[in-house]
Amino acid sequence: MELLGIHHAAIICSNYPRSKYFYSEILKLNIINEHHREKRNSYKLDLAMPDGSQVELFSFEGAPSRPSYPEAQGLRHLAFKVDNVTKAKEYLESKSVAVEEIRIDEITGKKFTFFADPDDLPLELYEV
């Protein structure tokens, strides 16, 4: 077996319209497909990243909140590659998204910072 890359990351959101707006309008991910699953009363939204990977948004009634931030067991955060962390931070802040101060990765020397989606899911910008 040879893993070729990451196909998608799946996120369950508490407020589907709010998260759809955040990921498609603020983060500018392109919508591939959107489905309402009547039997589950839930939505599934497929969003494309420039490299071909995807982010999937789901809505499920009664889904529990994340237990703690950010050190709960499981996926710690989702990191996005950017060419310029400083410009990306300024853009997000212009859209009223709170962004932490830029830090330097001790091992790689690369810039990175964190922000959160509408459900407080930790997201990272990592300069490549």
Foldseek 3Di string as FASTA:
>chain_A
DDDDDAAEAEEEDADVVQLCCCCCPLVVFAWDDWDQDVVQRKIWTWTADPVNHTYIYMYGPPDDADPDQQPDPDDRAAEDEDQDQVVSCVSCVVVVWDKDDWDADPPPRWIKTWTAGPSRGIYMYTHD
